[in-house]
Amino acid sequence: MFGRASAFVAAVLIVSIGNAESQIAFPTKPVTLVVPYSAGASTDIVGRMLASSLSEKWKQPVVVANRVGASGSIGINSVIRSEPDGHTLVVFTGPTDLSTEYFSPTGTNTETDLTPVALVAKTPVVLMVRSGLNVGDFESFVRLARSKPGDLTFGSQGYGSLAHLAFEQVMSKTNIKMLLVPYKGAADISNAMIGGFLDAYIGSFTTARTMLEGGHARVLAVVGGGRIPAIPDVPTMAELGYPGTNWDAWIGIMAPSKTPPDIVEKISADIAGALSVEGMHQQISKIGLQNTTADRSQFQSLLVAERAKLAETIKAAGLTPQK
């Protein structure tokens, strides 16, 4: 009898120890959430929302660090080089940050050097022009651009960014030629358009809505799959006769590729929990973004599809990958 009892107690102890060990001790110190773009951009805003929520849950500070430059490569590379223990993460913007695999002079390879943690939000992409540009719709914009080849300007967050690649595709389909002007981030682009120094931009509806409310811009087309309820009268590129021009902006969290899988899963689950809170839903919706319910495998599938689209667009536009 005592032998059986002892065996039972031992088994219980083993299970208890196993369960205790399965409770991952993370985080054990402050966490750095790197944003590769300037303060005030949607990436930065979402990063700060998450940081606040996770700080409360983890009982550890989550510090947002804006490391700007080289079309996001500076911030991304700082995370790639960090200790792969989950305490340094990057707020990753797609598909712009994926293009660093092609255009970064530092040889960034986000496919092999980073691992997906969580897909946080998506937002439609639109083509907008400054309010002072004398065009009323997309076709009049095309006519104006054709009449002044190379004179009109469009902004982007750098060579190979979503804004750049999407505009290259639009120019190819409409047979127009415009001048690319690179900026550090969406906030700088907005200021340039407000000041009349930049004619057009393809970017998130989050950026566009702020400018629309101030009367500084006009949205001519949705560069995505469907119309946007907030601007129902604005047609999609497909409706305008240019199918195949379909882009969405999205925001996710990535970690260094060698981060232990159990830590990655814990961070992913904690972010999902933060996003499920009604208050977070409202905050994200307020800035024009849409919450996502994608799990890590779905996020990985999105990355595969986006890389294929980027490769096709870069080839069609005749852009030269840089390493």
C-alpha atoms as a PDB file:
ATOM      1  CA  MET A   1       0.000   0.000   0.000  1.00  0.00           C
ATOM      2  CA  PHE A   2       2.745   2.420   1.006  1.00  0.00           C
ATOM      3  CA  GLY A   3       4.584   1.607  -2.190  1.00  0.00           C
ATOM      4  CA  ARG A   4       1.567   2.523  -4.285  1.00  0.00           C
ATOM      5  CA  ALA A   5       0.977   5.672  -2.263  1.00  0.00           C
ATOM      6  CA  SER A   6       4.592   6.693  -2.676  1.00  0.00           C
ATOM      7  CA  ALA A   7       4.422   6.101  -6.395  1.00  0.00           C
ATOM      8  CA  PHE A   8       1.248   8.172  -6.627  1.00  0.00           C
ATOM      9  CA  VAL A   9       2.795  11.042  -4.661  1.00  0.00           C
ATOM     10  CA  ALA A  10       5.898  10.898  -6.851  1.00  0.00           C
ATOM     11  CA  ALA A  11       3.773  11.020  -9.990  1.00  0.00           C
ATOM     12  CA  VAL A  12       1.853  14.024  -8.681  1.00  0.00           C
ATOM     13  CA  LEU A  13       5.106  15.775  -7.860  1.00  0.00           C
ATOM     14  CA  ILE A  14       6.485  15.100 -11.335  1.00  0.00           C
ATOM     15  CA  VAL A  15       3.331  16.503 -12.981  1.00  0.00           C
ATOM     16  CA  SER A  16       3.388  19.509 -10.655  1.00  0.00           C
ATOM     17  CA  ILE A  17       7.026  20.201 -11.443  1.00  0.00           C
ATOM     18  CA  GLY A  18       6.308  19.850 -15.172  1.00  0.00           C
ATOM     19  CA  ASN A  19       3.403  22.267 -14.945  1.00  0.00           C
ATOM     20  CA  ALA A  20       5.512  24.756 -13.028  1.00  0.00           C
ATOM     21  CA  GLU A  21       8.235  24.519 -15.635  1.00  0.00           C
ATOM     22  CA  SER A  22       5.686  25.073 -18.403  1.00  0.00           C
ATOM     23  CA  GLN A  23       4.866  28.483 -16.908  1.00  0.00           C
ATOM     24  CA  ILE A  24       7.368  30.516 -18.910  1.00  0.00           C
ATOM     25  CA  ALA A  25       9.186  33.179 -16.940  1.00  0.00           C
ATOM     26  CA  PHE A  26       8.788  36.001 -19.445  1.00  0.00           C
ATOM     27  CA  PRO A  27       9.519  38.827 -19.450  1.00  0.00           C
ATOM     28  CA  THR A  28      12.249  39.011 -16.851  1.00  0.00           C
ATOM     29  CA  LYS A  29      13.291  42.577 -17.670  1.00  0.00           C
ATOM     30  CA  PRO A  30      12.019  45.605 -19.649  1.00  0.00           C
ATOM     31  CA  VAL A  31      10.997  44.893 -23.244  1.00  0.00           C
ATOM     32  CA  THR A  32      11.979  47.157 -26.153  1.00  0.00           C
ATOM     33  CA  LEU A  33       9.460  47.554 -28.971  1.00  0.00           C
ATOM     34  CA  VAL A  34      11.304  49.041 -31.943  1.00  0.00           C
ATOM     35  CA  VAL A  35       9.364  51.200 -34.406  1.00  0.00           C
ATOM     36  CA  PRO A  36      11.414  51.755 -37.611  1.00  0.00           C
ATOM     37  CA  TYR A  37       9.512  54.935 -38.480  1.00  0.00           C
ATOM     38  CA  SER A  38       8.942  58.394 -37.035  1.00  0.00           C
ATOM     39  CA  ALA A  39       6.638  59.204 -34.137  1.00  0.00           C
ATOM     40  CA  GLY A  40       3.046  59.907 -35.107  1.00  0.00           C
ATOM     41  CA  ALA A  41       2.801  57.339 -37.915  1.00  0.00           C
ATOM     42  CA  SER A  42       0.183  54.584 -37.591  1.00  0.00           C
ATOM     43  CA  THR A  43       2.978  52.087 -36.885  1.00  0.00           C
ATOM     44  CA  ASP A  44       4.122  54.213 -33.964  1.00  0.00           C
ATOM     45  CA  ILE A  45       0.599  54.752 -32.628  1.00  0.00           C
ATOM     46  CA  VAL A  46      -0.183  51.018 -32.672  1.00  0.00           C
ATOM     47  CA  GLY A  47       3.174  50.236 -31.089  1.00  0.00           C
ATOM     48  CA  ARG A  48       2.443  52.591 -28.200  1.00  0.00           C
ATOM     49  CA  MET A  49      -1.037  51.134 -27.709  1.00  0.00           C
ATOM     50  CA  LEU A  50       0.397  47.626 -27.488  1.00  0.00           C
ATOM     51  CA  ALA A  51       3.249  48.748 -25.250  1.00  0.00           C
ATOM     52  CA  SER A  52       0.814  50.225 -22.755  1.00  0.00           C
ATOM     53  CA  SER A  53      -1.377  47.112 -22.688  1.00  0.00           C
ATOM     54  CA  LEU A  54       1.519  44.640 -22.469  1.00  0.00           C
ATOM     55  CA  SER A  55       3.290  46.664 -19.780  1.00  0.00           C
ATOM     56  CA  GLU A  56       0.212  46.308 -17.620  1.00  0.00           C
ATOM     57  CA  LYS A  57      -0.090  42.581 -18.265  1.00  0.00           C
ATOM     58  CA  TRP A  58       3.597  41.723 -17.908  1.00  0.00           C
ATOM     59  CA  LYS A  59       4.303  44.030 -14.955  1.00  0.00           C
ATOM     60  CA  GLN A  60       7.417  45.133 -16.829  1.00  0.00           C
ATOM     61  CA  PRO A  61       8.049  48.322 -18.815  1.00  0.00           C
ATOM     62  CA  VAL A  62       7.580  47.988 -22.583  1.00  0.00           C
ATOM     63  CA  VAL A  63       9.551  50.848 -24.105  1.00  0.00           C
ATOM     64  CA  VAL A  64       8.857  52.120 -27.639  1.00  0.00           C
ATOM     65  CA  ALA A  65      12.072  53.069 -29.456  1.00  0.00           C
ATOM     66  CA  ASN A  66      11.814  54.957 -32.774  1.00  0.00           C
ATOM     67  CA  ARG A  67      14.874  53.986 -34.810  1.00  0.00           C
ATOM     68  CA  VAL A  68      14.346  55.733 -38.123  1.00  0.00           C
ATOM     69  CA  GLY A  69      16.184  55.607 -41.435  1.00  0.00           C
ATOM     70  CA  ALA A  70      17.094  53.624 -44.566  1.00  0.00           C
ATOM     71  CA  SER A  71      13.445  52.783 -45.335  1.00  0.00           C
ATOM     72  CA  GLY A  72      13.065  50.965 -42.033  1.00  0.00           C
ATOM     73  CA  SER A  73      16.303  48.964 -42.277  1.00  0.00           C
ATOM     74  CA  ILE A  74      18.015  50.688 -39.345  1.00  0.00           C
ATOM     75  CA  GLY A  75      15.310  49.754 -36.873  1.00  0.00           C
ATOM     76  CA  ILE A  76      14.788  46.272 -38.297  1.00  0.00           C
ATOM     77  CA  ASN A  77      18.494  45.456 -38.267  1.00  0.00           C
ATOM     78  CA  SER A  78      18.807  46.594 -34.655  1.00  0.00           C
ATOM     79  CA  VAL A  79      16.258  43.926 -33.716  1.00  0.00           C
ATOM     80  CA  ILE A  80      17.898  41.265 -35.880  1.00  0.00           C
ATOM     81  CA  ARG A  81      21.192  41.900 -34.058  1.00  0.00           C
ATOM     82  CA  SER A  82      19.589  41.887 -30.598  1.00  0.00           C
ATOM     83  CA  GLU A  83      19.631  39.015 -28.114  1.00  0.00           C
ATOM     84  CA  PRO A  84      16.978  36.511 -29.293  1.00  0.00           C
ATOM     85  CA  ASP A  85      15.228  36.218 -25.952  1.00  0.00           C
ATOM     86  CA  GLY A  86      11.936  37.984 -26.735  1.00  0.00           C
ATOM     87  CA  HIS A  87      12.894  41.199 -24.963  1.00  0.00           C
ATOM     88  CA  THR A  88      13.448  43.087 -28.232  1.00  0.00           C
ATOM     89  CA  LEU A  89      10.666  43.114 -30.828  1.00  0.00           C
ATOM     90  CA  VAL A  90       9.905  45.153 -33.929  1.00  0.00           C
ATOM     91  CA  VAL A  91       6.647  46.706 -35.105  1.00  0.00           C
ATOM     92  CA  PHE A  92       6.743  45.511 -38.702  1.00  0.00           C
ATOM     93  CA  THR A  93       4.851  47.274 -41.490  1.00  0.00           C
ATOM     94  CA  GLY A  94       3.919  45.340 -44.588  1.00  0.00           C
ATOM     95  CA  PRO A  95       4.580  45.101 -47.339  1.00  0.00           C
ATOM     96  CA  THR A  96       7.045  48.012 -47.022  1.00  0.00           C
ATOM     97  CA  ASP A  97       9.405  46.351 -44.547  1.00  0.00           C
ATOM     98  CA  LEU A  98       9.505  43.151 -46.623  1.00  0.00           C
ATOM     99  CA  SER A  99      11.063  45.121 -49.473  1.00  0.00           C
ATOM    100  CA  THR A 100      14.213  45.632 -47.386  1.00  0.00           C
ATOM    101  CA  GLU A 101      15.096  42.105 -48.540  1.00  0.00           C
ATOM    102  CA  TYR A 102      15.564  43.589 -52.019  1.00  0.00           C
ATOM    103  CA  PHE A 103      16.634  47.166 -51.481  1.00  0.00           C
ATOM    104  CA  SER A 104      18.486  47.384 -48.176  1.00  0.00           C
ATOM    105  CA  PRO A 105      22.189  48.197 -48.643  1.00  0.00           C
ATOM    106  CA  THR A 106      22.883  46.343 -45.385  1.00  0.00           C
ATOM    107  CA  GLY A 107      21.762  42.963 -46.732  1.00  0.00           C
ATOM    108  CA  THR A 108      18.693  42.668 -44.523  1.00  0.00           C
ATOM    109  CA  ASN A 109      16.864  39.359 -44.882  1.00  0.00           C
ATOM    110  CA  THR A 110      13.650  39.465 -42.881  1.00  0.00           C
ATOM    111  CA  GLU A 111      12.637  36.019 -44.156  1.00  0.00           C
ATOM    112  CA  THR A 112      15.518  34.244 -42.423  1.00  0.00           C
ATOM    113  CA  ASP A 113      16.436  36.717 -39.676  1.00  0.00           C
ATOM    114  CA  LEU A 114      12.996  37.400 -38.184  1.00  0.00           C
ATOM    115  CA  THR A 115      10.092  35.218 -37.090  1.00  0.00           C
ATOM    116  CA  PRO A 116       6.433  36.312 -37.150  1.00  0.00           C
ATOM    117  CA  VAL A 117       4.816  36.791 -33.752  1.00  0.00           C
ATOM    118  CA  ALA A 118       1.432  38.419 -34.341  1.00  0.00           C
ATOM    119  CA  LEU A 119      -0.541  40.213 -37.046  1.00  0.00           C
ATOM    120  CA  VAL A 120      -2.081  43.215 -35.329  1.00  0.00           C
ATOM    121  CA  ALA A 121      -4.018  45.323 -37.831  1.00  0.00           C
ATOM    122  CA  LYS A 122      -4.706  46.091 -41.470  1.00  0.00           C
ATOM    123  CA  THR A 123      -5.734  49.243 -43.296  1.00  0.00           C
ATOM    124  CA  PRO A 124      -6.857  49.970 -46.869  1.00  0.00           C
ATOM    125  CA  VAL A 125      -4.496  51.833 -49.170  1.00  0.00           C
ATOM    126  CA  VAL A 126      -5.553  54.878 -51.195  1.00  0.00           C
ATOM    127  CA  LEU A 127      -4.150  57.231 -53.813  1.00  0.00           C
ATOM    128  CA  MET A 128      -4.429  60.831 -52.653  1.00  0.00           C
ATOM    129  CA  VAL A 129      -3.381  64.213 -54.054  1.00  0.00           C
ATOM    130  CA  ARG A 130      -2.825  67.558 -52.387  1.00  0.00           C
ATOM    131  CA  SER A 131      -5.942  69.705 -52.305  1.00  0.00           C
ATOM    132  CA  GLY A 132      -4.303  72.435 -54.395  1.00  0.00           C
ATOM    133  CA  LEU A 133      -3.744  70.151 -57.364  1.00  0.00           C
ATOM    134  CA  ASN A 134      -6.317  71.002 -60.015  1.00  0.00           C
ATOM    135  CA  VAL A 135      -7.861  67.552 -60.475  1.00  0.00           C
ATOM    136  CA  GLY A 136     -11.315  66.322 -59.512  1.00  0.00           C
ATOM    137  CA  ASP A 137     -11.027  62.599 -60.103  1.00  0.00           C
ATOM    138  CA  PHE A 138      -8.553  59.894 -61.035  1.00  0.00           C
ATOM    139  CA  GLU A 139      -8.898  60.242 -64.797  1.00  0.00           C
ATOM    140  CA  SER A 140      -8.245  63.996 -64.690  1.00  0.00           C
ATOM    141  CA  PHE A 141      -5.185  63.257 -62.561  1.00  0.00           C
ATOM    142  CA  VAL A 142      -3.946  60.819 -65.215  1.00  0.00           C
ATOM    143  CA  ARG A 143      -4.543  63.387 -67.977  1.00  0.00           C
ATOM    144  CA  LEU A 144      -2.596  66.024 -66.041  1.00  0.00           C
ATOM    145  CA  ALA A 145       0.301  63.651 -65.386  1.00  0.00           C
ATOM    146  CA  ARG A 146       0.437  62.635 -69.061  1.00  0.00           C
ATOM    147  CA  SER A 147       0.547  66.287 -70.100  1.00  0.00           C
ATOM    148  CA  LYS A 148       3.528  66.930 -67.792  1.00  0.00           C
ATOM    149  CA  PRO A 149       5.668  63.779 -67.829  1.00  0.00           C
ATOM    150  CA  GLY A 150       8.126  63.781 -64.936  1.00  0.00           C
ATOM    151  CA  ASP A 151       6.877  67.086 -63.492  1.00  0.00           C
ATOM    152  CA  LEU A 152       4.387  65.854 -60.889  1.00  0.00           C
ATOM    153  CA  THR A 153       5.833  64.349 -57.709  1.00  0.00           C
ATOM    154  CA  PHE A 154       4.842  61.436 -55.495  1.00  0.00           C
ATOM    155  CA  GLY A 155       6.153  60.658 -52.038  1.00  0.00           C
ATOM    156  CA  SER A 156       7.304  57.468 -50.364  1.00  0.00           C
ATOM    157  CA  GLN A 157       9.043  56.321 -47.204  1.00  0.00           C
ATOM    158  CA  GLY A 158      11.998  55.302 -49.332  1.00  0.00           C
ATOM    159  CA  TYR A 159      13.033  53.276 -52.346  1.00  0.00           C
ATOM    160  CA  GLY A 160      11.091  50.013 -52.392  1.00  0.00           C
ATOM    161  CA  SER A 161       8.421  51.052 -49.881  1.00  0.00           C
ATOM    162  CA  LEU A 162       4.746  50.246 -50.413  1.00  0.00           C
ATOM    163  CA  ALA A 163       4.142  53.828 -51.565  1.00  0.00           C
ATOM    164  CA  HIS A 164       6.944  53.529 -54.107  1.00  0.00           C
ATOM    165  CA  LEU A 165       6.058  50.087 -55.470  1.00  0.00           C
ATOM    166  CA  ALA A 166       2.314  50.750 -55.630  1.00  0.00           C
ATOM    167  CA  PHE A 167       2.908  54.008 -57.507  1.00  0.00           C
ATOM    168  CA  GLU A 168       5.285  52.253 -59.900  1.00  0.00           C
ATOM    169  CA  GLN A 169       2.482  49.821 -60.657  1.00  0.00           C
ATOM    170  CA  VAL A 170      -0.053  52.625 -61.138  1.00  0.00           C
ATOM    171  CA  MET A 171       2.313  54.519 -63.446  1.00  0.00           C
ATOM    172  CA  SER A 172       2.877  51.369 -65.504  1.00  0.00           C
ATOM    173  CA  LYS A 173      -0.836  50.670 -65.888  1.00  0.00           C
ATOM    174  CA  THR A 174      -1.789  54.270 -66.719  1.00  0.00           C
ATOM    175  CA  ASN A 175       1.249  55.135 -68.838  1.00  0.00           C
ATOM    176  CA  ILE A 176       2.285  58.149 -66.780  1.00  0.00           C
ATOM    177  CA  LYS A 177       5.651  59.252 -65.436  1.00  0.00           C
ATOM    178  CA  MET A 178       6.134  61.028 -62.100  1.00  0.00           C
ATOM    179  CA  LEU A 179       9.107  61.944 -59.913  1.00  0.00           C
ATOM    180  CA  LEU A 180       9.731  59.953 -56.718  1.00  0.00           C
ATOM    181  CA  VAL A 181      10.566  62.052 -53.631  1.00  0.00           C
ATOM    182  CA  PRO A 182      11.648  59.970 -50.605  1.00  0.00           C
ATOM    183  CA  TYR A 183      10.813  60.946 -47.006  1.00  0.00           C
ATOM    184  CA  LYS A 184      11.541  59.448 -43.593  1.00  0.00           C
ATOM    185  CA  GLY A 185       7.915  58.678 -42.792  1.00  0.00           C
ATOM    186  CA  ALA A 186       4.219  59.309 -43.379  1.00  0.00           C
ATOM    187  CA  ALA A 187       4.202  62.337 -41.083  1.00  0.00           C
ATOM    188  CA  ASP A 188       6.847  64.042 -43.230  1.00  0.00           C
ATOM    189  CA  ILE A 189       4.918  63.175 -46.380  1.00  0.00           C
ATOM    190  CA  SER A 190       1.733  64.662 -44.910  1.00  0.00           C
ATOM    191  CA  ASN A 191       3.543  67.875 -44.022  1.00  0.00           C
ATOM    192  CA  ALA A 192       4.978  68.114 -47.546  1.00  0.00           C
ATOM    193  CA  MET A 193       1.538  67.705 -49.105  1.00  0.00           C
ATOM    194  CA  ILE A 194      -0.007  70.227 -46.720  1.00  0.00           C
ATOM    195  CA  GLY A 195       2.738  72.690 -47.624  1.00  0.00           C
ATOM    196  CA  GLY A 196       2.169  72.153 -51.349  1.00  0.00           C
ATOM    197  CA  PHE A 197       5.621  70.660 -51.908  1.00  0.00           C
ATOM    198  CA  LEU A 198       4.349  67.183 -52.897  1.00  0.00           C
ATOM    199  CA  ASP A 199       1.615  66.333 -55.380  1.00  0.00           C
ATOM    200  CA  ALA A 200       0.552  62.766 -54.620  1.00  0.00           C
ATOM    201  CA  TYR A 201       0.976  59.784 -52.332  1.00  0.00           C
ATOM    202  CA  ILE A 202      -0.236  56.200 -52.044  1.00  0.00           C
ATOM    203  CA  GLY A 203      -0.583  55.284 -48.399  1.00  0.00           C
ATOM    204  CA  SER A 204      -2.828  54.036 -45.643  1.00  0.00           C
ATOM    205  CA  PHE A 205      -6.322  55.407 -45.235  1.00  0.00           C
ATOM    206  CA  THR A 206      -5.236  56.307 -41.691  1.00  0.00           C
ATOM    207  CA  THR A 207      -2.894  58.952 -43.094  1.00  0.00           C
ATOM    208  CA  ALA A 208      -5.411  60.031 -45.721  1.00  0.00           C
ATOM    209  CA  ARG A 209      -8.258  60.486 -43.264  1.00  0.00           C
ATOM    210  CA  THR A 210      -6.281  62.923 -41.126  1.00  0.00           C
ATOM    211  CA  MET A 211      -5.476  64.995 -44.192  1.00  0.00           C
ATOM    212  CA  LEU A 212      -9.028  64.782 -45.511  1.00  0.00           C
ATOM    213  CA  GLU A 213     -10.429  66.069 -42.231  1.00  0.00           C
ATOM    214  CA  GLY A 214      -8.086  69.037 -42.451  1.00  0.00           C
ATOM    215  CA  GLY A 215      -9.016  69.743 -46.067  1.00  0.00           C
ATOM    216  CA  HIS A 216      -5.432  69.169 -47.201  1.00  0.00           C
ATOM    217  CA  ALA A 217      -5.926  66.227 -49.578  1.00  0.00           C
ATOM    218  CA  ARG A 218      -8.344  64.541 -51.941  1.00  0.00           C
ATOM    219  CA  VAL A 219      -8.606  60.747 -52.296  1.00  0.00           C
ATOM    220  CA  LEU A 220      -8.973  59.711 -55.939  1.00  0.00           C
ATOM    221  CA  ALA A 221      -8.899  55.909 -55.777  1.00  0.00           C
ATOM    222  CA  VAL A 222      -8.778  52.932 -53.434  1.00  0.00           C
ATOM    223  CA  VAL A 223      -5.700  50.901 -54.298  1.00  0.00           C
ATOM    224  CA  GLY A 224      -7.161  47.734 -52.853  1.00  0.00           C
ATOM    225  CA  GLY A 225      -9.903  45.148 -53.078  1.00  0.00           C
ATOM    226  CA  GLY A 226     -13.018  47.113 -52.164  1.00  0.00           C
ATOM    227  CA  ARG A 227     -14.499  50.507 -51.437  1.00  0.00           C
ATOM    228  CA  ILE A 228     -14.045  52.024 -47.993  1.00  0.00           C
ATOM    229  CA  PRO A 229     -17.256  52.682 -46.013  1.00  0.00           C
ATOM    230  CA  ALA A 230     -15.958  56.029 -44.735  1.00  0.00           C
ATOM    231  CA  ILE A 231     -15.495  57.278 -48.346  1.00  0.00           C
ATOM    232  CA  PRO A 232     -18.089  55.226 -50.282  1.00  0.00           C
ATOM    233  CA  ASP A 233     -17.996  57.387 -53.405  1.00  0.00           C
ATOM    234  CA  VAL A 234     -14.306  56.780 -54.077  1.00  0.00           C
ATOM    235  CA  PRO A 235     -13.878  53.962 -56.646  1.00  0.00           C
ATOM    236  CA  THR A 236     -11.300  51.198 -56.595  1.00  0.00           C
ATOM    237  CA  MET A 237      -8.579  50.956 -59.229  1.00  0.00           C
ATOM    238  CA  ALA A 238     -10.325  47.867 -60.642  1.00  0.00           C
ATOM    239  CA  GLU A 239     -13.568  49.822 -61.038  1.00  0.00           C
ATOM    240  CA  LEU A 240     -11.620  52.524 -62.857  1.00  0.00           C
ATOM    241  CA  GLY A 241     -10.421  49.943 -65.369  1.00  0.00           C
ATOM    242  CA  TYR A 242      -7.062  49.017 -63.853  1.00  0.00           C
ATOM    243  CA  PRO A 243      -7.410  45.531 -62.338  1.00  0.00           C
ATOM    244  CA  GLY A 244      -4.538  43.858 -60.523  1.00  0.00           C
ATOM    245  CA  THR A 245      -3.638  46.935 -58.504  1.00  0.00           C
ATOM    246  CA  ASN A 246      -4.433  45.582 -55.068  1.00  0.00           C
ATOM    247  CA  TRP A 247      -2.500  46.604 -51.958  1.00  0.00           C
ATOM    248  CA  ASP A 248      -3.239  46.593 -48.248  1.00  0.00           C
ATOM    249  CA  ALA A 249      -1.055  47.952 -45.494  1.00  0.00           C
ATOM    250  CA  TRP A 250      -0.681  45.841 -42.378  1.00  0.00           C
ATOM    251  CA  ILE A 251       1.101  45.968 -39.058  1.00  0.00           C
ATOM    252  CA  GLY A 252       2.583  42.993 -37.250  1.00  0.00           C
ATOM    253  CA  ILE A 253       5.080  42.118 -34.548  1.00  0.00           C
ATOM    254  CA  MET A 254       8.295  40.229 -35.345  1.00  0.00           C
ATOM    255  CA  ALA A 255      11.117  38.816 -33.215  1.00  0.00           C
ATOM    256  CA  PRO A 256      14.665  37.657 -33.972  1.00  0.00           C
ATOM    257  CA  SER A 257      14.485  34.275 -35.711  1.00  0.00           C
ATOM    258  CA  LYS A 258      16.333  32.382 -32.964  1.00  0.00           C
ATOM    259  CA  THR A 259      13.918  33.441 -30.236  1.00  0.00           C
ATOM    260  CA  PRO A 260      12.750  30.272 -28.386  1.00  0.00           C
ATOM    261  CA  PRO A 261       9.399  29.070 -29.793  1.00  0.00           C
ATOM    262  CA  ASP A 262       7.736  28.899 -26.372  1.00  0.00           C
ATOM    263  CA  ILE A 263       8.531  32.570 -25.755  1.00  0.00           C
ATOM    264  CA  VAL A 264       7.270  33.519 -29.231  1.00  0.00           C
ATOM    265  CA  GLU A 265       4.013  31.649 -28.554  1.00  0.00           C
ATOM    266  CA  LYS A 266       3.579  33.384 -25.196  1.00  0.00           C
ATOM    267  CA  ILE A 267       4.100  36.831 -26.694  1.00  0.00           C
ATOM    268  CA  SER A 268       1.720  35.967 -29.528  1.00  0.00           C
ATOM    269  CA  ALA A 269      -0.967  34.793 -27.078  1.00  0.00           C
ATOM    270  CA  ASP A 270      -0.540  37.880 -24.881  1.00  0.00           C
ATOM    271  CA  ILE A 271      -0.845  40.198 -27.888  1.00  0.00           C
ATOM    272  CA  ALA A 272      -3.986  38.345 -28.993  1.00  0.00           C
ATOM    273  CA  GLY A 273      -5.376  38.856 -25.508  1.00  0.00           C
ATOM    274  CA  ALA A 274      -4.579  42.568 -25.640  1.00  0.00           C
ATOM    275  CA  LEU A 275      -6.269  42.919 -29.030  1.00  0.00           C
ATOM    276  CA  SER A 276      -9.417  41.151 -27.810  1.00  0.00           C
ATOM    277  CA  VAL A 277     -10.122  43.877 -25.244  1.00  0.00           C
ATOM    278  CA  GLU A 278     -12.931  46.150 -26.412  1.00  0.00           C
ATOM    279  CA  GLY A 279     -11.008  49.288 -25.505  1.00  0.00           C
ATOM    280  CA  MET A 280      -8.141  48.278 -27.792  1.00  0.00           C
ATOM    281  CA  HIS A 281     -10.616  47.562 -30.607  1.00  0.00           C
ATOM    282  CA  GLN A 282     -11.980  51.072 -30.273  1.00  0.00           C
ATOM    283  CA  GLN A 283      -8.549  52.695 -30.160  1.00  0.00           C
ATOM    284  CA  ILE A 284      -7.391  50.887 -33.300  1.00  0.00           C
ATOM    285  CA  SER A 285     -10.630  51.634 -35.171  1.00  0.00           C
ATOM    286  CA  LYS A 286     -10.399  55.282 -34.162  1.00  0.00           C
ATOM    287  CA  ILE A 287      -7.221  55.743 -36.199  1.00  0.00           C
ATOM    288  CA  GLY A 288      -8.688  53.986 -39.248  1.00  0.00           C
ATOM    289  CA  LEU A 289      -7.202  50.524 -38.769  1.00  0.00           C
ATOM    290  CA  GLN A 290      -8.932  47.149 -38.633  1.00  0.00           C
ATOM    291  CA  ASN A 291      -8.165  44.551 -35.975  1.00  0.00           C
ATOM    292  CA  THR A 292      -7.169  41.138 -37.283  1.00  0.00           C
ATOM    293  CA  THR A 293      -7.783  37.697 -35.807  1.00  0.00           C
ATOM    294  CA  ALA A 294      -5.037  35.961 -37.774  1.00  0.00           C
ATOM    295  CA  ASP A 295      -2.939  33.426 -35.887  1.00  0.00           C
ATOM    296  CA  ARG A 296       0.803  32.940 -36.429  1.00  0.00           C
ATOM    297  CA  SER A 297       0.343  30.400 -39.257  1.00  0.00           C
ATOM    298  CA  GLN A 298      -1.994  32.778 -41.090  1.00  0.00           C
ATOM    299  CA  PHE A 299       0.498  35.589 -40.585  1.00  0.00           C
ATOM    300  CA  GLN A 300       3.191  33.369 -42.090  1.00  0.00           C
ATOM    301  CA  SER A 301       0.949  32.607 -45.090  1.00  0.00           C
ATOM    302  CA  LEU A 302       0.414  36.349 -45.595  1.00  0.00           C
ATOM    303  CA  LEU A 303       4.171  36.911 -45.590  1.00  0.00           C
ATOM    304  CA  VAL A 304       4.660  34.250 -48.265  1.00  0.00           C
ATOM    305  CA  ALA A 305       1.956  35.785 -50.490  1.00  0.00           C
ATOM    306  CA  GLU A 306       3.276  39.334 -50.000  1.00  0.00           C
ATOM    307  CA  ARG A 307       6.839  38.347 -50.887  1.00  0.00           C
ATOM    308  CA  ALA A 308       5.588  36.782 -54.127  1.00  0.00           C
ATOM    309  CA  LYS A 309       3.645  39.952 -55.017  1.00  0.00           C
ATOM    310  CA  LEU A 310       6.651  42.145 -54.267  1.00  0.00           C
ATOM    311  CA  ALA A 311       8.935  40.055 -56.459  1.00  0.00           C
ATOM    312  CA  GLU A 312       6.460  40.275 -59.352  1.00  0.00           C
ATOM    313  CA  THR A 313       5.986  44.044 -58.969  1.00  0.00           C
ATOM    314  CA  ILE A 314       9.729  44.741 -58.735  1.00  0.00           C
ATOM    315  CA  LYS A 315      10.383  42.695 -61.867  1.00  0.00           C
ATOM    316  CA  ALA A 316       7.539  44.332 -63.826  1.00  0.00           C
ATOM    317  CA  ALA A 317       8.704  47.828 -62.854  1.00  0.00           C
ATOM    318  CA  GLY A 318      12.278  47.054 -63.829  1.00  0.00           C
ATOM    319  CA  LEU A 319      13.601  48.111 -60.442  1.00  0.00           C
ATOM    320  CA  THR A 320      17.094  47.027 -59.484  1.00  0.00           C
ATOM    321  CA  PRO A 321      17.367  45.092 -56.217  1.00  0.00           C
ATOM    322  CA  GLN A 322      20.164  46.424 -54.033  1.00  0.00           C
ATOM    323  CA  LYS A 323      22.228  44.480 -51.519  1.00  0.00           C
END
